[in-house]
Amino acid sequence: MITTYSPRDVVVTLAGIHSVTGYAEGEFIRIVKDIKPFIKHGSMDGEIARVYNKDQGWRVELTIMQSSPTNDILSMLYNVDIATRMGKFPLMIKDTKGSTSFLALTAWVEDLPRVSFSGQLETRTWILGCSEVAMNIGGNVDQSLVEQAILLGSSLLPALTQFGGF
């Protein structure tokens, strides 16, 4: 079986209206959960227990070129948030030719990126805080509609627990 991945197929949408453009070469998106959901504890006699941490925080790093119009959008969202505390927005990341997806119902710009200028095109790495997340880490194989529905449903389970679904 041959599968195909292309960075051009990865789409990031901010606030449901702006598609990110001007990705940097190399790694351009990094998604990290803030805290592991389970912490393992061992007893002196060898028993193992785990403690569940309900923290739903995530961090997304977007690395884009300094020439990208997305810098203006993220700057605007940051400035609105600083002035009004109302700069939160939904964030969606999707590999359109694969099954990896990330949806944060609430995202915000955590801080402004480091800014530098040189004789070459520089990058800006924006760090976004996220909560109320549904995520599926998948591959790039063709899937049936049933498989896609199961993956989508399972990725929504952690987010549904916040609303008393489980």
C-alpha atoms as a PDB file:
ATOM      1  CA  MET A   1       0.000   0.000   0.000  1.00  0.00           C
ATOM      2  CA  ILE A   2       1.272   3.465  -0.875  1.00  0.00           C
ATOM      3  CA  THR A   3       0.143   6.485   1.105  1.00  0.00           C
ATOM      4  CA  THR A   4       0.813  10.139   0.397  1.00  0.00           C
ATOM      5  CA  TYR A   5       1.357  13.119   2.669  1.00  0.00           C
ATOM      6  CA  SER A   6       1.776  16.688   1.480  1.00  0.00           C
ATOM      7  CA  PRO A   7       2.190  19.737   3.726  1.00  0.00           C
ATOM      8  CA  ARG A   8      -0.050  21.605   1.274  1.00  0.00           C
ATOM      9  CA  ASP A   9      -2.937  19.414   2.433  1.00  0.00           C
ATOM     10  CA  VAL A  10      -2.694  20.630   6.045  1.00  0.00           C
ATOM     11  CA  VAL A  11      -5.207  23.419   6.625  1.00  0.00           C
ATOM     12  CA  VAL A  12      -5.318  25.701   9.672  1.00  0.00           C
ATOM     13  CA  THR A  13      -8.405  27.873  10.136  1.00  0.00           C
ATOM     14  CA  LEU A  14      -8.575  30.691  12.703  1.00  0.00           C
ATOM     15  CA  ALA A  15     -11.945  31.915  13.995  1.00  0.00           C
ATOM     16  CA  GLY A  16     -13.692  29.993  11.227  1.00  0.00           C
ATOM     17  CA  ILE A  17     -12.832  32.651   8.646  1.00  0.00           C
ATOM     18  CA  HIS A  18      -9.069  32.877   8.076  1.00  0.00           C
ATOM     19  CA  SER A  19      -7.002  30.099   6.506  1.00  0.00           C
ATOM     20  CA  VAL A  20      -3.374  30.346   7.558  1.00  0.00           C
ATOM     21  CA  THR A  21      -0.944  30.922   4.683  1.00  0.00           C
ATOM     22  CA  GLY A  22       2.794  31.410   4.403  1.00  0.00           C
ATOM     23  CA  TYR A  23       3.996  28.376   6.352  1.00  0.00           C
ATOM     24  CA  ALA A  24       7.713  28.202   7.062  1.00  0.00           C
ATOM     25  CA  GLU A  25       9.943  25.472   5.642  1.00  0.00           C
ATOM     26  CA  GLY A  26      10.420  22.480   7.921  1.00  0.00           C
ATOM     27  CA  GLU A  27       8.206  22.066  10.965  1.00  0.00           C
ATOM     28  CA  PHE A  28       5.367  24.587  10.713  1.00  0.00           C
ATOM     29  CA  ILE A  29       2.800  23.215  13.191  1.00  0.00           C
ATOM     30  CA  ARG A  30       3.431  21.668  16.589  1.00  0.00           C
ATOM     31  CA  ILE A  31       0.594  20.476  18.849  1.00  0.00           C
ATOM     32  CA  VAL A  32       1.355  19.601  22.484  1.00  0.00           C
ATOM     33  CA  LYS A  33      -0.874  18.699  25.420  1.00  0.00           C
ATOM     34  CA  ASP A  34       0.072  20.805  28.455  1.00  0.00           C
ATOM     35  CA  ILE A  35      -0.170  18.055  31.070  1.00  0.00           C
ATOM     36  CA  LYS A  36      -0.350  14.275  30.738  1.00  0.00           C
ATOM     37  CA  PRO A  37      -3.823  13.006  31.668  1.00  0.00           C
ATOM     38  CA  PHE A  38      -2.515  10.259  33.973  1.00  0.00           C
ATOM     39  CA  ILE A  39       0.323  10.241  36.499  1.00  0.00           C
ATOM     40  CA  LYS A  40       1.560   6.835  37.613  1.00  0.00           C
ATOM     41  CA  HIS A  41       2.376   6.164  41.281  1.00  0.00           C
ATOM     42  CA  GLY A  42       3.995   3.012  42.611  1.00  0.00           C
ATOM     43  CA  SER A  43       3.829   1.678  46.151  1.00  0.00           C
ATOM     44  CA  MET A  44       6.602  -0.003  48.122  1.00  0.00           C
ATOM     45  CA  ASP A  45       5.032  -3.429  47.552  1.00  0.00           C
ATOM     46  CA  GLY A  46       4.829  -2.991  43.770  1.00  0.00           C
ATOM     47  CA  GLU A  47       1.235  -1.919  43.319  1.00  0.00           C
ATOM     48  CA  ILE A  48       0.627   0.698  40.674  1.00  0.00           C
ATOM     49  CA  ALA A  49      -2.063   3.355  40.744  1.00  0.00           C
ATOM     50  CA  ARG A  50      -2.673   6.262  38.457  1.00  0.00           C
ATOM     51  CA  VAL A  51      -4.112   9.682  39.159  1.00  0.00           C
ATOM     52  CA  TYR A  52      -6.283  11.363  36.535  1.00  0.00           C
ATOM     53  CA  ASN A  53      -5.678  15.059  35.853  1.00  0.00           C
ATOM     54  CA  LYS A  54      -8.631  16.707  34.118  1.00  0.00           C
ATOM     55  CA  ASP A  55      -6.520  19.583  32.747  1.00  0.00           C
ATOM     56  CA  GLN A  56      -7.666  20.186  29.170  1.00  0.00           C
ATOM     57  CA  GLY A  57      -4.967  22.670  28.173  1.00  0.00           C
ATOM     58  CA  TRP A  58      -3.138  22.378  24.864  1.00  0.00           C
ATOM     59  CA  ARG A  59      -0.533  24.454  23.064  1.00  0.00           C
ATOM     60  CA  VAL A  60      -0.243  24.952  19.306  1.00  0.00           C
ATOM     61  CA  GLU A  61       2.840  26.527  17.747  1.00  0.00           C
ATOM     62  CA  LEU A  62       2.405  27.950  14.245  1.00  0.00           C
ATOM     63  CA  THR A  63       5.605  28.905  12.420  1.00  0.00           C
ATOM     64  CA  ILE A  64       4.957  31.177   9.459  1.00  0.00           C
ATOM     65  CA  MET A  65       7.018  33.479   7.277  1.00  0.00           C
ATOM     66  CA  GLN A  66       7.309  37.138   8.303  1.00  0.00           C
ATOM     67  CA  SER A  67       5.562  38.049   5.027  1.00  0.00           C
ATOM     68  CA  SER A  68       2.426  36.001   5.808  1.00  0.00           C
ATOM     69  CA  PRO A  69      -0.846  37.953   6.167  1.00  0.00           C
ATOM     70  CA  THR A  70      -1.654  35.585   9.034  1.00  0.00           C
ATOM     71  CA  ASN A  71       0.716  37.669  11.194  1.00  0.00           C
ATOM     72  CA  ASP A  72      -1.748  40.566  10.887  1.00  0.00           C
ATOM     73  CA  ILE A  73      -4.713  38.383  11.894  1.00  0.00           C
ATOM     74  CA  LEU A  74      -2.916  36.925  14.915  1.00  0.00           C
ATOM     75  CA  SER A  75      -1.673  40.379  15.960  1.00  0.00           C
ATOM     76  CA  MET A  76      -5.225  41.688  15.761  1.00  0.00           C
ATOM     77  CA  LEU A  77      -6.590  38.781  17.828  1.00  0.00           C
ATOM     78  CA  TYR A  78      -3.856  39.322  20.432  1.00  0.00           C
ATOM     79  CA  ASN A  79      -4.516  43.080  20.640  1.00  0.00           C
ATOM     80  CA  VAL A  80      -8.279  42.546  20.957  1.00  0.00           C
ATOM     81  CA  ASP A  81      -7.671  40.047  23.762  1.00  0.00           C
ATOM     82  CA  ILE A  82      -5.320  42.385  25.650  1.00  0.00           C
ATOM     83  CA  ALA A  83      -7.738  45.320  25.342  1.00  0.00           C
ATOM     84  CA  THR A  84     -11.045  43.523  25.928  1.00  0.00           C
ATOM     85  CA  ARG A  85     -10.281  39.993  27.186  1.00  0.00           C
ATOM     86  CA  MET A  86     -12.481  38.862  24.276  1.00  0.00           C
ATOM     87  CA  GLY A  87      -9.869  37.643  21.787  1.00  0.00           C
ATOM     88  CA  LYS A  88     -10.748  33.949  22.004  1.00  0.00           C
ATOM     89  CA  PHE A  89     -11.558  32.065  18.809  1.00  0.00           C
ATOM     90  CA  PRO A  90     -12.053  28.512  17.506  1.00  0.00           C
ATOM     91  CA  LEU A  91      -9.058  26.831  15.872  1.00  0.00           C
ATOM     92  CA  MET A  92      -9.156  23.952  13.405  1.00  0.00           C
ATOM     93  CA  ILE A  93      -6.200  22.022  12.003  1.00  0.00           C
ATOM     94  CA  LYS A  94      -6.866  19.267   9.463  1.00  0.00           C
ATOM     95  CA  ASP A  95      -4.808  17.106   7.160  1.00  0.00           C
ATOM     96  CA  THR A  96      -7.349  17.090   4.332  1.00  0.00           C
ATOM     97  CA  LYS A  97      -5.835  13.973   2.727  1.00  0.00           C
ATOM     98  CA  GLY A  98      -5.447  12.148   6.045  1.00  0.00           C
ATOM     99  CA  SER A  99      -7.302  11.532   9.274  1.00  0.00           C
ATOM    100  CA  THR A 100      -5.322  13.776  11.634  1.00  0.00           C
ATOM    101  CA  SER A 101      -7.466  16.605  12.960  1.00  0.00           C
ATOM    102  CA  PHE A 102      -7.417  19.077  15.845  1.00  0.00           C
ATOM    103  CA  LEU A 103     -10.349  21.247  16.857  1.00  0.00           C
ATOM    104  CA  ALA A 104     -10.185  23.688  19.764  1.00  0.00           C
ATOM    105  CA  LEU A 105     -13.455  25.390  20.557  1.00  0.00           C
ATOM    106  CA  THR A 106     -11.462  27.981  22.491  1.00  0.00           C
ATOM    107  CA  ALA A 107      -8.031  29.260  21.443  1.00  0.00           C
ATOM    108  CA  TRP A 108      -6.110  32.454  22.129  1.00  0.00           C
ATOM    109  CA  VAL A 109      -2.726  33.982  21.347  1.00  0.00           C
ATOM    110  CA  GLU A 110      -0.584  33.368  24.438  1.00  0.00           C
ATOM    111  CA  ASP A 111       2.111  35.879  23.550  1.00  0.00           C
ATOM    112  CA  LEU A 112       3.672  37.718  20.642  1.00  0.00           C
ATOM    113  CA  PRO A 113       6.423  35.895  18.721  1.00  0.00           C
ATOM    114  CA  ARG A 114      10.074  36.866  18.714  1.00  0.00           C
ATOM    115  CA  VAL A 115      10.601  39.326  15.851  1.00  0.00           C
ATOM    116  CA  SER A 116      13.867  39.611  13.949  1.00  0.00           C
ATOM    117  CA  PHE A 117      14.914  41.112  10.634  1.00  0.00           C
ATOM    118  CA  SER A 118      17.808  40.128   8.400  1.00  0.00           C
ATOM    119  CA  GLY A 119      18.817  39.966   4.765  1.00  0.00           C
ATOM    120  CA  GLN A 120      16.624  36.873   4.424  1.00  0.00           C
ATOM    121  CA  LEU A 121      13.004  36.024   5.043  1.00  0.00           C
ATOM    122  CA  GLU A 122      12.585  35.311   8.763  1.00  0.00           C
ATOM    123  CA  THR A 123       9.903  33.311  10.558  1.00  0.00           C
ATOM    124  CA  ARG A 124       7.413  34.104  13.312  1.00  0.00           C
ATOM    125  CA  THR A 125       6.395  31.368  15.757  1.00  0.00           C
ATOM    126  CA  TRP A 126       3.023  32.074  17.320  1.00  0.00           C
ATOM    127  CA  ILE A 127       2.017  30.143  20.435  1.00  0.00           C
ATOM    128  CA  LEU A 128      -1.697  29.573  20.868  1.00  0.00           C
ATOM    129  CA  GLY A 129      -3.287  28.306  24.065  1.00  0.00           C
ATOM    130  CA  CYS A 130      -6.232  25.967  23.520  1.00  0.00           C
ATOM    131  CA  SER A 131      -8.991  24.264  25.493  1.00  0.00           C
ATOM    132  CA  GLU A 132     -12.134  22.244  24.780  1.00  0.00           C
ATOM    133  CA  VAL A 133     -10.191  20.146  22.287  1.00  0.00           C
ATOM    134  CA  ALA A 134     -11.098  17.205  20.070  1.00  0.00           C
ATOM    135  CA  MET A 135      -8.072  15.562  18.465  1.00  0.00           C
ATOM    136  CA  ASN A 136      -7.393  12.538  16.318  1.00  0.00           C
ATOM    137  CA  ILE A 137      -3.862  11.523  15.366  1.00  0.00           C
ATOM    138  CA  GLY A 138      -4.174   9.510  12.202  1.00  0.00           C
ATOM    139  CA  GLY A 139      -2.471   8.500   9.019  1.00  0.00           C
ATOM    140  CA  ASN A 140      -2.905   9.113   5.322  1.00  0.00           C
ATOM    141  CA  VAL A 141      -4.791   6.040   4.140  1.00  0.00           C
ATOM    142  CA  ASP A 142      -8.196   5.944   2.490  1.00  0.00           C
ATOM    143  CA  GLN A 143     -10.921   5.154   5.028  1.00  0.00           C
ATOM    144  CA  SER A 144     -14.545   4.202   4.756  1.00  0.00           C
ATOM    145  CA  LEU A 145     -17.241   6.583   5.964  1.00  0.00           C
ATOM    146  CA  VAL A 146     -17.847   4.254   8.926  1.00  0.00           C
ATOM    147  CA  GLU A 147     -14.166   4.397   9.941  1.00  0.00           C
ATOM    148  CA  GLN A 148     -14.178   8.185   9.592  1.00  0.00           C
ATOM    149  CA  ALA A 149     -17.314   8.458  11.763  1.00  0.00           C
ATOM    150  CA  ILE A 150     -15.817   6.217  14.466  1.00  0.00           C
ATOM    151  CA  LEU A 151     -12.585   8.232  14.517  1.00  0.00           C
ATOM    152  CA  LEU A 152     -14.487  11.518  14.711  1.00  0.00           C
ATOM    153  CA  GLY A 153     -16.725  10.224  17.487  1.00  0.00           C
ATOM    154  CA  SER A 154     -13.819   8.906  19.540  1.00  0.00           C
ATOM    155  CA  SER A 155     -11.901  12.173  19.165  1.00  0.00           C
ATOM    156  CA  LEU A 156     -14.902  14.065  20.577  1.00  0.00           C
ATOM    157  CA  LEU A 157     -15.144  11.943  23.751  1.00  0.00           C
ATOM    158  CA  PRO A 158     -12.662  13.976  25.867  1.00  0.00           C
ATOM    159  CA  ALA A 159     -14.389  17.244  24.940  1.00  0.00           C
ATOM    160  CA  LEU A 160     -17.841  15.825  25.712  1.00  0.00           C
ATOM    161  CA  THR A 161     -16.817  15.000  29.284  1.00  0.00           C
ATOM    162  CA  GLN A 162     -16.554  18.731  29.957  1.00  0.00           C
ATOM    163  CA  PHE A 163     -20.255  19.061  29.238  1.00  0.00           C
ATOM    164  CA  GLY A 164     -21.331  16.195  31.474  1.00  0.00           C
ATOM    165  CA  GLY A 165     -21.655  13.702  28.633  1.00  0.00           C
ATOM    166  CA  PHE A 166     -19.782  10.980  30.560  1.00  0.00           C
END
